[in-house]
PDB file of N, CA and C in Angstrom:
ATOM      1  N   UNK A   1      88.207  99.374 103.726  1.00  0.00           N
ATOM      2  CA  UNK A   1      88.733  98.040 103.596  1.00  0.00           C
ATOM      3  C   UNK A   1      88.733  97.680 102.115  1.00  0.00           C
ATOM      4  N   UNK A   2      89.761  96.965 101.659  1.00  0.00           N
ATOM      5  CA  UNK A   2      89.807  96.563 100.266  1.00  0.00           C
ATOM      6  C   UNK A   2      88.973  95.315 100.069  1.00  0.00           C
ATOM      7  N   UNK A   3      88.486  95.162  98.871  1.00  0.00           N
ATOM      8  CA  UNK A   3      87.812  93.932  98.521  1.00  0.00           C
ATOM      9  C   UNK A   3      88.413  93.444  97.222  1.00  0.00           C
ATOM     10  N   UNK A   4      88.480  92.154  97.059  1.00  0.00           N
ATOM     11  CA  UNK A   4      89.035  91.612  95.830  1.00  0.00           C
ATOM     12  C   UNK A   4      88.532  90.195  95.636  1.00  0.00           C
ATOM     13  N   UNK A   5      88.523  89.773  94.382  1.00  0.00           N
ATOM     14  CA  UNK A   5      88.203  88.398  94.071  1.00  0.00           C
ATOM     15  C   UNK A   5      89.480  87.601  94.212  1.00  0.00           C
ATOM     16  N   UNK A   6      89.413  86.513  94.926  1.00  0.00           N
ATOM     17  CA  UNK A   6      90.601  85.708  95.180  1.00  0.00           C
ATOM     18  C   UNK A   6      90.710  84.575  94.166  1.00  0.00           C
ATOM     19  N   UNK A   7      91.907  84.395  93.622  1.00  0.00           N
ATOM     20  CA  UNK A   7      92.237  83.209  92.853  1.00  0.00           C
ATOM     21  C   UNK A   7      93.492  82.644  93.476  1.00  0.00           C
ATOM     22  N   UNK A   8      93.884  81.462  93.058  1.00  0.00           N
ATOM     23  CA  UNK A   8      95.070  80.857  93.662  1.00  0.00           C
ATOM     24  C   UNK A   8      96.329  81.659  93.359  1.00  0.00           C
ATOM     25  N   UNK A   9      96.342  82.435  92.268  1.00  0.00           N
ATOM     26  CA  UNK A   9      97.519  83.218  91.899  1.00  0.00           C
ATOM     27  C   UNK A   9      97.459  84.663  92.368  1.00  0.00           C
ATOM     28  N   UNK A  10      96.318  85.103  92.849  1.00  0.00           N
ATOM     29  CA  UNK A  10      96.213  86.503  93.257  1.00  0.00           C
ATOM     30  C   UNK A  10      96.717  86.673  94.684  1.00  0.00           C
ATOM     31  N   UNK A  11      97.239  87.873  94.981  1.00  0.00           N
ATOM     32  CA  UNK A  11      97.693  88.115  96.358  1.00  0.00           C
ATOM     33  C   UNK A  11      96.511  88.072  97.326  1.00  0.00           C
ATOM     34  N   UNK A  12      96.782  87.820  98.588  1.00  0.00           N
ATOM     35  CA  UNK A  12      95.695  87.772  99.573  1.00  0.00           C
ATOM     36  C   UNK A  12      95.056  89.140  99.782  1.00  0.00           C
ATOM     37  N   UNK A  13      93.837  89.132 100.261  1.00  0.00           N
ATOM     38  CA  UNK A  13      93.144  90.372 100.584  1.00  0.00           C
ATOM     39  C   UNK A  13      93.838  91.034 101.761  1.00  0.00           C
ATOM     40  N   UNK A  14      94.005  92.354 101.665  1.00  0.00           N
ATOM     41  CA  UNK A  14      94.619  93.126 102.746  1.00  0.00           C
ATOM     42  C   UNK A  14      93.540  93.959 103.412  1.00  0.00           C
ATOM     43  N   UNK A  15      93.440  93.835 104.718  1.00  0.00           N
ATOM     44  CA  UNK A  15      92.461  94.569 105.503  1.00  0.00           C
ATOM     45  C   UNK A  15      93.115  95.804 106.107  1.00  0.00           C
ATOM     46  N   UNK A  16      92.301  96.795 106.396  1.00  0.00           N
ATOM     47  CA  UNK A  16      92.811  97.998 107.033  1.00  0.00           C
ATOM     48  C   UNK A  16      91.955  99.200 106.717  1.00  0.00           C
ATOM     49  N   UNK A  17      92.423 100.347 107.155  1.00  0.00           N
ATOM     50  CA  UNK A  17      91.721 101.607 106.938  1.00  0.00           C
ATOM     51  C   UNK A  17      92.341 102.328 105.747  1.00  0.00           C
ATOM     52  N   UNK A  18      91.523 102.581 104.731  1.00  0.00           N
ATOM     53  CA  UNK A  18      91.948 103.284 103.523  1.00  0.00           C
ATOM     54  C   UNK A  18      93.176 102.618 102.896  1.00  0.00           C
ATOM     55  N   UNK A  19      93.077 101.327 102.632  1.00  0.00           N
ATOM     56  CA  UNK A  19      94.193 100.558 102.078  1.00  0.00           C
ATOM     57  C   UNK A  19      94.294 100.786 100.570  1.00  0.00           C
ATOM     58  N   UNK A  20      95.522 101.068 100.119  1.00  0.00           N
ATOM     59  CA  UNK A  20      95.789 101.246  98.689  1.00  0.00           C
ATOM     60  C   UNK A  20      96.134  99.893  98.059  1.00  0.00           C
ATOM     61  N   UNK A  21      96.193  99.824  96.733  1.00  0.00           N
ATOM     62  CA  UNK A  21      96.577  98.566  96.079  1.00  0.00           C
ATOM     63  C   UNK A  21      97.979  98.073  96.461  1.00  0.00           C
ATOM     64  N   UNK A  22      98.848  98.970  96.927  1.00  0.00           N
ATOM     65  CA  UNK A  22     100.196  98.559  97.330  1.00  0.00           C
ATOM     66  C   UNK A  22     100.336  98.464  98.846  1.00  0.00           C
ATOM     67  N   UNK A  23      99.252  98.421  99.557  1.00  0.00           N
ATOM     68  CA  UNK A  23      99.115  98.145 100.999  1.00  0.00           C
ATOM     69  C   UNK A  23      99.370  99.316 101.933  1.00  0.00           C
ATOM     70  N   UNK A  24      99.544 100.540 101.419  1.00  0.00           N
ATOM     71  CA  UNK A  24      99.605 101.669 102.346  1.00  0.00           C
ATOM     72  C   UNK A  24      98.228 101.807 103.002  1.00  0.00           C
ATOM     73  N   UNK A  25      98.214 102.485 104.148  1.00  0.00           N
ATOM     74  CA  UNK A  25      96.952 102.638 104.868  1.00  0.00           C
ATOM     75  C   UNK A  25      96.864 104.042 105.458  1.00  0.00           C
ATOM     76  N   UNK A  26      95.817 104.278 106.220  1.00  0.00           N
ATOM     77  CA  UNK A  26      95.615 105.586 106.846  1.00  0.00           C
ATOM     78  C   UNK A  26      96.729 105.929 107.830  1.00  0.00           C
ATOM     79  N   UNK A  27      97.402 104.929 108.367  1.00  0.00           N
ATOM     80  CA  UNK A  27      98.445 105.154 109.374  1.00  0.00           C
ATOM     81  C   UNK A  27      99.839 105.270 108.770  1.00  0.00           C
ATOM     82  N   UNK A  28     100.131 104.454 107.764  1.00  0.00           N
ATOM     83  CA  UNK A  28     101.462 104.406 107.134  1.00  0.00           C
ATOM     84  C   UNK A  28     101.278 104.462 105.624  1.00  0.00           C
ATOM     85  N   UNK A  29     101.765 105.526 105.007  1.00  0.00           N
ATOM     86  CA  UNK A  29     101.451 105.730 103.592  1.00  0.00           C
ATOM     87  C   UNK A  29     102.605 106.292 102.763  1.00  0.00           C
ATOM     88  N   UNK A  30     103.847 106.079 103.211  1.00  0.00           N
ATOM     89  CA  UNK A  30     104.973 106.504 102.370  1.00  0.00           C
ATOM     90  C   UNK A  30     105.119 105.512 101.211  1.00  0.00           C
ATOM     91  N   UNK A  31     105.928 105.866 100.232  1.00  0.00           N
ATOM     92  CA  UNK A  31     106.160 104.985  99.093  1.00  0.00           C
ATOM     93  C   UNK A  31     106.843 103.680  99.498  1.00  0.00           C
ATOM     94  N   UNK A  32     107.446 103.652 100.690  1.00  0.00           N
ATOM     95  CA  UNK A  32     108.114 102.444 101.173  1.00  0.00           C
ATOM     96  C   UNK A  32     107.222 101.583 102.067  1.00  0.00           C
ATOM     97  N   UNK A  33     106.050 102.076 102.413  1.00  0.00           N
ATOM     98  CA  UNK A  33     105.132 101.326 103.279  1.00  0.00           C
ATOM     99  C   UNK A  33     104.302 100.370 102.425  1.00  0.00           C
ATOM    100  N   UNK A  34     104.967  99.313 101.950  1.00  0.00           N
ATOM    101  CA  UNK A  34     104.331  98.416 100.983  1.00  0.00           C
ATOM    102  C   UNK A  34     104.321  96.962 101.445  1.00  0.00           C
ATOM    103  N   UNK A  35     104.178  96.736 102.737  1.00  0.00           N
ATOM    104  CA  UNK A  35     103.991  95.358 103.204  1.00  0.00           C
ATOM    105  C   UNK A  35     102.702  95.265 104.006  1.00  0.00           C
ATOM    106  N   UNK A  36     102.167  94.075 104.036  1.00  0.00           N
ATOM    107  CA  UNK A  36     101.058  93.743 104.931  1.00  0.00           C
ATOM    108  C   UNK A  36     101.451  92.444 105.614  1.00  0.00           C
ATOM    109  N   UNK A  37     101.046  92.291 106.850  1.00  0.00           N
ATOM    110  CA  UNK A  37     101.436  91.119 107.630  1.00  0.00           C
ATOM    111  C   UNK A  37     100.199  90.335 108.057  1.00  0.00           C
ATOM    112  N   UNK A  38     100.274  89.024 107.846  1.00  0.00           N
ATOM    113  CA  UNK A  38      99.203  88.132 108.277  1.00  0.00           C
ATOM    114  C   UNK A  38      99.317  87.937 109.785  1.00  0.00           C
ATOM    115  N   UNK A  39      98.198  88.044 110.462  1.00  0.00           N
ATOM    116  CA  UNK A  39      98.170  87.900 111.916  1.00  0.00           C
ATOM    117  C   UNK A  39      97.715  86.491 112.281  1.00  0.00           C
ATOM    118  N   UNK A  40      98.461  85.807 113.155  1.00  0.00           N
ATOM    119  CA  UNK A  40      98.093  84.435 113.499  1.00  0.00           C
ATOM    120  C   UNK A  40      96.788  84.329 114.284  1.00  0.00           C
ATOM    121  N   UNK A  41      96.386  85.398 114.915  1.00  0.00           N
ATOM    122  CA  UNK A  41      95.172  85.379 115.742  1.00  0.00           C
ATOM    123  C   UNK A  41      93.898  85.317 114.905  1.00  0.00           C
ATOM    124  N   UNK A  42      93.933  85.862 113.685  1.00  0.00           N
ATOM    125  CA  UNK A  42      92.729  85.903 112.854  1.00  0.00           C
ATOM    126  C   UNK A  42      92.980  85.420 111.426  1.00  0.00           C
ATOM    127  N   UNK A  43      94.224  85.099 111.108  1.00  0.00           N
ATOM    128  CA  UNK A  43      94.615  84.637 109.768  1.00  0.00           C
ATOM    129  C   UNK A  43      94.281  85.643 108.675  1.00  0.00           C
ATOM    130  N   UNK A  44      94.327  86.934 109.011  1.00  0.00           N
ATOM    131  CA  UNK A  44      94.074  87.996 108.036  1.00  0.00           C
ATOM    132  C   UNK A  44      95.327  88.837 107.863  1.00  0.00           C
ATOM    133  N   UNK A  45      95.535  89.289 106.618  1.00  0.00           N
ATOM    134  CA  UNK A  45      96.608  90.235 106.344  1.00  0.00           C
ATOM    135  C   UNK A  45      96.108  91.639 106.655  1.00  0.00           C
ATOM    136  N   UNK A  46      96.876  92.377 107.445  1.00  0.00           N
ATOM    137  CA  UNK A  46      96.564  93.768 107.762  1.00  0.00           C
ATOM    138  C   UNK A  46      97.702  94.661 107.314  1.00  0.00           C
ATOM    139  N   UNK A  47      97.345  95.875 106.876  1.00  0.00           N
ATOM    140  CA  UNK A  47      98.341  96.846 106.436  1.00  0.00           C
ATOM    141  C   UNK A  47      99.251  97.267 107.583  1.00  0.00           C
ATOM    142  N   UNK A  48      98.715  97.299 108.799  1.00  0.00           N
ATOM    143  CA  UNK A  48      99.540  97.634 109.970  1.00  0.00           C
ATOM    144  C   UNK A  48      98.820  97.179 111.238  1.00  0.00           C
ATOM    145  N   UNK A  49      99.533  97.220 112.334  1.00  0.00           N
ATOM    146  CA  UNK A  49      98.978  96.801 113.625  1.00  0.00           C
ATOM    147  C   UNK A  49      97.834  97.718 114.062  1.00  0.00           C
ATOM    148  N   UNK A  50      97.931  99.002 113.738  1.00  0.00           N
ATOM    149  CA  UNK A  50      96.861  99.941 114.111  1.00  0.00           C
ATOM    150  C   UNK A  50      95.573  99.619 113.366  1.00  0.00           C
ATOM    151  N   UNK A  51      95.693  99.217 112.094  1.00  0.00           N
ATOM    152  CA  UNK A  51      94.508  98.801 111.343  1.00  0.00           C
ATOM    153  C   UNK A  51      93.893  97.550 111.971  1.00  0.00           C
ATOM    154  N   UNK A  52      94.732  96.587 112.331  1.00  0.00           N
ATOM    155  CA  UNK A  52      94.240  95.377 112.999  1.00  0.00           C
ATOM    156  C   UNK A  52      93.469  95.750 114.258  1.00  0.00           C
ATOM    157  N   UNK A  53      94.073  96.582 115.079  1.00  0.00           N
ATOM    158  CA  UNK A  53      93.451  96.936 116.352  1.00  0.00           C
ATOM    159  C   UNK A  53      92.164  97.727 116.170  1.00  0.00           C
ATOM    160  N   UNK A  54      92.072  98.504 115.103  1.00  0.00           N
ATOM    161  CA  UNK A  54      90.862  99.288 114.845  1.00  0.00           C
ATOM    162  C   UNK A  54      89.708  98.422 114.348  1.00  0.00           C
ATOM    163  N   UNK A  55      90.023  97.338 113.656  1.00  0.00           N
ATOM    164  CA  UNK A  55      88.976  96.566 113.000  1.00  0.00           C
ATOM    165  C   UNK A  55      88.664  95.209 113.632  1.00  0.00           C
ATOM    166  N   UNK A  56      89.510  94.730 114.510  1.00  0.00           N
ATOM    167  CA  UNK A  56      89.268  93.431 115.146  1.00  0.00           C
ATOM    168  C   UNK A  56      88.817  93.629 116.591  1.00  0.00           C
ATOM    169  N   UNK A  57      88.112  92.643 117.118  1.00  0.00           N
ATOM    170  CA  UNK A  57      87.649  92.718 118.507  1.00  0.00           C
ATOM    171  C   UNK A  57      88.470  91.810 119.422  1.00  0.00           C
ATOM    172  N   UNK A  58      89.711  91.551 119.030  1.00  0.00           N
ATOM    173  CA  UNK A  58      90.616  90.739 119.847  1.00  0.00           C
ATOM    174  C   UNK A  58      92.002  91.375 119.836  1.00  0.00           C
ATOM    175  N   UNK A  59      92.806  90.966 120.792  1.00  0.00           N
ATOM    176  CA  UNK A  59      94.183  91.448 120.874  1.00  0.00           C
ATOM    177  C   UNK A  59      95.033  90.738 119.820  1.00  0.00           C
ATOM    178  N   UNK A  60      95.995  91.434 119.243  1.00  0.00           N
ATOM    179  CA  UNK A  60      96.881  90.773 118.284  1.00  0.00           C
ATOM    180  C   UNK A  60      97.793  89.769 118.987  1.00  0.00           C
ATOM    181  N   UNK A  61      98.213  88.781 118.237  1.00  0.00           N
ATOM    182  CA  UNK A  61      99.130  87.751 118.724  1.00  0.00           C
ATOM    183  C   UNK A  61     100.363  87.785 117.832  1.00  0.00           C
ATOM    184  N   UNK A  62     101.548  87.643 118.424  1.00  0.00           N
ATOM    185  CA  UNK A  62     102.779  87.636 117.626  1.00  0.00           C
ATOM    186  C   UNK A  62     103.059  86.227 117.101  1.00  0.00           C
ATOM    187  N   UNK A  63     103.772  86.163 115.987  1.00  0.00           N
ATOM    188  CA  UNK A  63     104.201  84.882 115.435  1.00  0.00           C
ATOM    189  C   UNK A  63     105.323  84.328 116.300  1.00  0.00           C
ATOM    190  N   UNK A  64     105.221  83.078 116.755  1.00  0.00           N
ATOM    191  CA  UNK A  64     106.303  82.497 117.554  1.00  0.00           C
ATOM    192  C   UNK A  64     107.536  82.229 116.688  1.00  0.00           C
ATOM    193  N   UNK A  65     108.693  82.213 117.328  1.00  0.00           N
ATOM    194  CA  UNK A  65     109.954  81.958 116.621  1.00  0.00           C
ATOM    195  C   UNK A  65     109.919  80.623 115.883  1.00  0.00           C
ATOM    196  N   UNK A  66     109.191  79.662 116.412  1.00  0.00           N
ATOM    197  CA  UNK A  66     109.118  78.331 115.800  1.00  0.00           C
ATOM    198  C   UNK A  66     108.398  78.331 114.450  1.00  0.00           C
ATOM    199  N   UNK A  67     107.765  79.442 114.093  1.00  0.00           N
ATOM    200  CA  UNK A  67     107.013  79.503 112.837  1.00  0.00           C
ATOM    201  C   UNK A  67     107.602  80.512 111.847  1.00  0.00           C
ATOM    202  N   UNK A  68     108.888  80.726 111.911  1.00  0.00           N
ATOM    203  CA  UNK A  68     109.522  81.694 111.005  1.00  0.00           C
ATOM    204  C   UNK A  68     109.537  81.247 109.549  1.00  0.00           C
ATOM    205  N   UNK A  69     109.171  80.006 109.288  1.00  0.00           N
ATOM    206  CA  UNK A  69     109.093  79.539 107.908  1.00  0.00           C
ATOM    207  C   UNK A  69     107.704  79.752 107.305  1.00  0.00           C
ATOM    208  N   UNK A  70     106.816  80.371 108.058  1.00  0.00           N
ATOM    209  CA  UNK A  70     105.468  80.670 107.565  1.00  0.00           C
ATOM    210  C   UNK A  70     105.506  81.872 106.625  1.00  0.00           C
ATOM    211  N   UNK A  71     104.747  81.789 105.535  1.00  0.00           N
ATOM    212  CA  UNK A  71     104.647  82.903 104.582  1.00  0.00           C
ATOM    213  C   UNK A  71     103.588  83.869 105.101  1.00  0.00           C
ATOM    214  N   UNK A  72     104.040  85.014 105.633  1.00  0.00           N
ATOM    215  CA  UNK A  72     103.106  85.929 106.289  1.00  0.00           C
ATOM    216  C   UNK A  72     103.320  87.401 105.936  1.00  0.00           C
ATOM    217  N   UNK A  73     104.353  87.743 105.168  1.00  0.00           N
ATOM    218  CA  UNK A  73     104.635  89.147 104.858  1.00  0.00           C
ATOM    219  C   UNK A  73     104.418  89.368 103.365  1.00  0.00           C
ATOM    220  N   UNK A  74     103.381  90.113 103.037  1.00  0.00           N
ATOM    221  CA  UNK A  74     103.003  90.381 101.650  1.00  0.00           C
ATOM    222  C   UNK A  74     103.713  91.617 101.126  1.00  0.00           C
ATOM    223  N   UNK A  75     104.366  91.485  99.975  1.00  0.00           N
ATOM    224  CA  UNK A  75     104.926  92.655  99.287  1.00  0.00           C
ATOM    225  C   UNK A  75     103.802  93.289  98.480  1.00  0.00           C
ATOM    226  N   UNK A  76     103.495  94.536  98.774  1.00  0.00           N
ATOM    227  CA  UNK A  76     102.435  95.232  98.065  1.00  0.00           C
ATOM    228  C   UNK A  76     102.797  95.594  96.639  1.00  0.00           C
ATOM    229  N   UNK A  77     104.073  95.536  96.294  1.00  0.00           N
ATOM    230  CA  UNK A  77     104.505  95.862  94.936  1.00  0.00           C
ATOM    231  C   UNK A  77     104.283  94.695  93.978  1.00  0.00           C
ATOM    232  N   UNK A  78     104.714  93.498  94.368  1.00  0.00           N
ATOM    233  CA  UNK A  78     104.627  92.356  93.450  1.00  0.00           C
ATOM    234  C   UNK A  78     103.579  91.318  93.847  1.00  0.00           C
ATOM    235  N   UNK A  79     103.071  91.398  95.079  1.00  0.00           N
ATOM    236  CA  UNK A  79     102.047  90.463  95.520  1.00  0.00           C
ATOM    237  C   UNK A  79     102.564  89.128  96.018  1.00  0.00           C
ATOM    238  N   UNK A  80     103.875  88.972  96.090  1.00  0.00           N
ATOM    239  CA  UNK A  80     104.458  87.731  96.611  1.00  0.00           C
ATOM    240  C   UNK A  80     104.467  87.780  98.137  1.00  0.00           C
ATOM    241  N   UNK A  81     104.440  86.610  98.763  1.00  0.00           N
ATOM    242  CA  UNK A  81     104.424  86.524 100.218  1.00  0.00           C
ATOM    243  C   UNK A  81     105.740  85.909 100.691  1.00  0.00           C
ATOM    244  N   UNK A  82     106.413  86.614 101.580  1.00  0.00           N
ATOM    245  CA  UNK A  82     107.684  86.175 102.146  1.00  0.00           C
ATOM    246  C   UNK A  82     107.449  85.463 103.469  1.00  0.00           C
ATOM    247  N   UNK A  83     108.364  84.561 103.798  1.00  0.00           N
ATOM    248  CA  UNK A  83     108.339  83.978 105.133  1.00  0.00           C
ATOM    249  C   UNK A  83     108.858  85.030 106.112  1.00  0.00           C
ATOM    250  N   UNK A  84     108.635  84.797 107.379  1.00  0.00           N
ATOM    251  CA  UNK A  84     109.158  85.711 108.399  1.00  0.00           C
ATOM    252  C   UNK A  84     110.676  85.770 108.298  1.00  0.00           C
ATOM    253  N   UNK A  85     111.302  84.621 108.151  1.00  0.00           N
ATOM    254  CA  UNK A  85     112.769  84.552 108.050  1.00  0.00           C
ATOM    255  C   UNK A  85     113.268  85.335 106.836  1.00  0.00           C
ATOM    256  N   UNK A  86     112.614  85.170 105.693  1.00  0.00           N
ATOM    257  CA  UNK A  86     113.000  85.914 104.487  1.00  0.00           C
ATOM    258  C   UNK A  86     112.859  87.415 104.710  1.00  0.00           C
ATOM    259  N   UNK A  87     111.738  87.815 105.301  1.00  0.00           N
ATOM    260  CA  UNK A  87     111.503  89.235 105.539  1.00  0.00           C
ATOM    261  C   UNK A  87     112.535  89.823 106.496  1.00  0.00           C
ATOM    262  N   UNK A  88     112.805  89.126 107.581  1.00  0.00           N
ATOM    263  CA  UNK A  88     113.746  89.655 108.568  1.00  0.00           C
ATOM    264  C   UNK A  88     115.175  89.719 108.019  1.00  0.00           C
ATOM    265  N   UNK A  89     115.476  88.922 107.012  1.00  0.00           N
ATOM    266  CA  UNK A  89     116.818  88.913 106.449  1.00  0.00           C
ATOM    267  C   UNK A  89     116.959  89.603 105.105  1.00  0.00           C
ATOM    268  N   UNK A  90     115.928  90.290 104.647  1.00  0.00           N
ATOM    269  CA  UNK A  90     115.934  90.823 103.280  1.00  0.00           C
ATOM    270  C   UNK A  90     116.583  92.192 103.129  1.00  0.00           C
ATOM    271  N   UNK A  91     117.006  92.810 104.217  1.00  0.00           N
ATOM    272  CA  UNK A  91     117.616  94.131 104.094  1.00  0.00           C
ATOM    273  C   UNK A  91     116.653  95.203 103.615  1.00  0.00           C
ATOM    274  N   UNK A  92     115.387  95.077 103.972  1.00  0.00           N
ATOM    275  CA  UNK A  92     114.335  96.041 103.619  1.00  0.00           C
ATOM    276  C   UNK A  92     114.101  96.148 102.113  1.00  0.00           C
ATOM    277  N   UNK A  93     114.267  95.024 101.401  1.00  0.00           N
ATOM    278  CA  UNK A  93     113.946  94.952  99.969  1.00  0.00           C
ATOM    279  C   UNK A  93     113.291  93.612  99.687  1.00  0.00           C
ATOM    280  N   UNK A  94     112.279  93.635  98.840  1.00  0.00           N
ATOM    281  CA  UNK A  94     111.603  92.393  98.478  1.00  0.00           C
ATOM    282  C   UNK A  94     112.585  91.453  97.783  1.00  0.00           C
ATOM    283  N   UNK A  95     112.600  90.205  98.200  1.00  0.00           N
ATOM    284  CA  UNK A  95     113.498  89.225  97.592  1.00  0.00           C
ATOM    285  C   UNK A  95     113.015  88.804  96.207  1.00  0.00           C
ATOM    286  N   UNK A  96     111.776  89.127  95.859  1.00  0.00           N
ATOM    287  CA  UNK A  96     111.227  88.760  94.562  1.00  0.00           C
ATOM    288  C   UNK A  96     111.334  89.884  93.537  1.00  0.00           C
ATOM    289  N   UNK A  97     110.949  91.102  93.909  1.00  0.00           N
ATOM    290  CA  UNK A  97     110.923  92.199  92.932  1.00  0.00           C
ATOM    291  C   UNK A  97     111.958  93.284  93.196  1.00  0.00           C
ATOM    292  N   UNK A  98     112.588  93.274  94.362  1.00  0.00           N
ATOM    293  CA  UNK A  98     113.628  94.258  94.666  1.00  0.00           C
ATOM    294  C   UNK A  98     113.131  95.603  95.158  1.00  0.00           C
ATOM    295  N   UNK A  99     111.828  95.792  95.245  1.00  0.00           N
ATOM    296  CA  UNK A  99     111.298  97.068  95.749  1.00  0.00           C
ATOM    297  C   UNK A  99     111.672  97.243  97.216  1.00  0.00           C
ATOM    298  N   UNK A 100     111.932  98.485  97.591  1.00  0.00           N
ATOM    299  CA  UNK A 100     112.327  98.774  98.958  1.00  0.00           C
ATOM    300  C   UNK A 100     111.151  98.808  99.911  1.00  0.00           C
ATOM    301  N   UNK A 101     111.383  98.271 101.106  1.00  0.00           N
ATOM    302  CA  UNK A 101     110.429  98.353 102.208  1.00  0.00           C
ATOM    303  C   UNK A 101     110.906  99.431 103.164  1.00  0.00           C
ATOM    304  N   UNK A 102     110.004  99.959 103.962  1.00  0.00           N
ATOM    305  CA  UNK A 102     110.356 100.982 104.938  1.00  0.00           C
ATOM    306  C   UNK A 102     111.277 100.369 106.001  1.00  0.00           C
ATOM    307  N   UNK A 103     112.535 100.825 106.081  1.00  0.00           N
ATOM    308  CA  UNK A 103     113.434 100.261 107.096  1.00  0.00           C
ATOM    309  C   UNK A 103     112.974 100.566 108.518  1.00  0.00           C
ATOM    310  N   UNK A 104     112.142 101.586 108.689  1.00  0.00           N
ATOM    311  CA  UNK A 104     111.609 101.923 110.004  1.00  0.00           C
ATOM    312  C   UNK A 104     110.660 100.872 110.553  1.00  0.00           C
ATOM    313  N   UNK A 105     110.134 100.010 109.685  1.00  0.00           N
ATOM    314  CA  UNK A 105     109.245  98.934 110.149  1.00  0.00           C
ATOM    315  C   UNK A 105     109.961  97.999 111.108  1.00  0.00           C
ATOM    316  N   UNK A 106     111.267  97.930 110.981  1.00  0.00           N
ATOM    317  CA  UNK A 106     112.065  97.082 111.867  1.00  0.00           C
ATOM    318  C   UNK A 106     111.822  97.443 113.339  1.00  0.00           C
ATOM    319  N   UNK A 107     111.552  98.706 113.617  1.00  0.00           N
ATOM    320  CA  UNK A 107     111.302  99.154 114.995  1.00  0.00           C
ATOM    321  C   UNK A 107     109.996  98.588 115.558  1.00  0.00           C
ATOM    322  N   UNK A 108     109.175  97.995 114.699  1.00  0.00           N
ATOM    323  CA  UNK A 108     107.881  97.457 115.128  1.00  0.00           C
ATOM    324  C   UNK A 108     107.834  95.938 115.081  1.00  0.00           C
ATOM    325  N   UNK A 109     108.938  95.294 114.771  1.00  0.00           N
ATOM    326  CA  UNK A 109     108.931  93.838 114.634  1.00  0.00           C
ATOM    327  C   UNK A 109     108.358  93.142 115.857  1.00  0.00           C
ATOM    328  N   UNK A 110     108.638  93.657 117.050  1.00  0.00           N
ATOM    329  CA  UNK A 110     108.164  92.961 118.258  1.00  0.00           C
ATOM    330  C   UNK A 110     106.639  92.961 118.376  1.00  0.00           C
ATOM    331  N   UNK A 111     105.956  93.799 117.602  1.00  0.00           N
ATOM    332  CA  UNK A 111     104.495  93.797 117.594  1.00  0.00           C
ATOM    333  C   UNK A 111     103.931  92.645 116.767  1.00  0.00           C
ATOM    334  N   UNK A 112     104.769  92.074 115.905  1.00  0.00           N
ATOM    335  CA  UNK A 112     104.336  91.026 114.986  1.00  0.00           C
ATOM    336  C   UNK A 112     105.018  89.680 115.207  1.00  0.00           C
ATOM    337  N   UNK A 113     106.288  89.720 115.645  1.00  0.00           N
ATOM    338  CA  UNK A 113     107.106  88.509 115.712  1.00  0.00           C
ATOM    339  C   UNK A 113     107.746  88.358 117.085  1.00  0.00           C
ATOM    340  N   UNK A 114     107.799  87.129 117.588  1.00  0.00           N
ATOM    341  CA  UNK A 114     108.552  86.856 118.806  1.00  0.00           C
ATOM    342  C   UNK A 114     110.035  87.015 118.471  1.00  0.00           C
ATOM    343  N   UNK A 115     110.740  87.809 119.271  1.00  0.00           N
ATOM    344  CA  UNK A 115     112.143  88.119 119.006  1.00  0.00           C
ATOM    345  C   UNK A 115     113.044  87.644 120.134  1.00  0.00           C
ATOM    346  N   UNK A 116     114.290  87.367 119.791  1.00  0.00           N
ATOM    347  CA  UNK A 116     115.306  87.091 120.805  1.00  0.00           C
ATOM    348  C   UNK A 116     115.787  88.433 121.356  1.00  0.00           C
ATOM    349  N   UNK A 117     116.517  88.420 122.456  1.00  0.00           N
ATOM    350  CA  UNK A 117     117.071  89.665 123.001  1.00  0.00           C
ATOM    351  C   UNK A 117     117.990  90.344 122.001  1.00  0.00           C
ATOM    352  N   UNK A 118     118.791  89.566 121.268  1.00  0.00           N
ATOM    353  CA  UNK A 118     119.671  90.147 120.252  1.00  0.00           C
ATOM    354  C   UNK A 118     118.867  90.828 119.154  1.00  0.00           C
ATOM    355  N   UNK A 119     117.786  90.204 118.724  1.00  0.00           N
ATOM    356  CA  UNK A 119     116.952  90.794 117.676  1.00  0.00           C
ATOM    357  C   UNK A 119     116.251  92.049 118.165  1.00  0.00           C
ATOM    358  N   UNK A 120     115.867  92.080 119.422  1.00  0.00           N
ATOM    359  CA  UNK A 120     115.253  93.293 119.974  1.00  0.00           C
ATOM    360  C   UNK A 120     116.254  94.433 119.920  1.00  0.00           C
ATOM    361  N   UNK A 121     117.502  94.176 120.259  1.00  0.00           N
ATOM    362  CA  UNK A 121     118.535  95.205 120.171  1.00  0.00           C
ATOM    363  C   UNK A 121     118.755  95.668 118.745  1.00  0.00           C
ATOM    364  N   UNK A 122     118.782  94.736 117.783  1.00  0.00           N
ATOM    365  CA  UNK A 122     118.951  95.089 116.375  1.00  0.00           C
ATOM    366  C   UNK A 122     117.760  95.884 115.882  1.00  0.00           C
ATOM    367  N   UNK A 123     116.580  95.491 116.310  1.00  0.00           N
ATOM    368  CA  UNK A 123     115.348  96.148 115.885  1.00  0.00           C
ATOM    369  C   UNK A 123     115.339  97.605 116.326  1.00  0.00           C
ATOM    370  N   UNK A 124     115.890  97.850 117.474  1.00  0.00           N
ATOM    371  CA  UNK A 124     115.912  99.216 118.005  1.00  0.00           C
ATOM    372  C   UNK A 124     117.154  99.978 117.562  1.00  0.00           C
ATOM    373  N   UNK A 125     117.943  99.364 116.680  1.00  0.00           N
ATOM    374  CA  UNK A 125     119.089 100.046 116.105  1.00  0.00           C
ATOM    375  C   UNK A 125     120.302 100.123 117.009  1.00  0.00           C
ATOM    376  N   UNK A 126     120.413  99.187 117.945  1.00  0.00           N
ATOM    377  CA  UNK A 126     121.574  99.202 118.836  1.00  0.00           C
ATOM    378  C   UNK A 126     121.991  97.770 119.124  1.00  0.00           C
ATOM    379  N   UNK A 127     123.213  97.624 119.516  1.00  0.00           N
ATOM    380  CA  UNK A 127     123.702  96.299 119.905  1.00  0.00           C
ATOM    381  C   UNK A 127     123.288  96.019 121.335  1.00  0.00           C
ATOM    382  N   UNK A 128     123.077  94.754 121.645  1.00  0.00           N
ATOM    383  CA  UNK A 128     122.691  94.365 123.007  1.00  0.00           C
ATOM    384  C   UNK A 128     123.923  93.967 123.780  1.00  0.00           C
TER     385      UNK A 128
END
């Protein structure tokens, strides 16, 4: 697990197994695996859902559609936090620094965010 001193300008602490400074973890560690997501159930940023499940004693909860304006997706490259809406619409690139995110993460959106049927189809790479 990472540890860091928090200031108002520093990025949030990212929890997980073998977390790097850019948020890769024991489960996902490509150069594009540079996001961490805050979980509404514990208000902690985790490198991935598997890290959350390994370290927490509760089931994860998805962000409801009504809270898409919440800043919950941390870019591990620049340390800025995107809203759910910004992240889902960013085309797998940080809107602040332009670094690429793993486009394969889209296949896991339903583990983190409440989705519409259309979004589930898009997430799985097909039209509904």
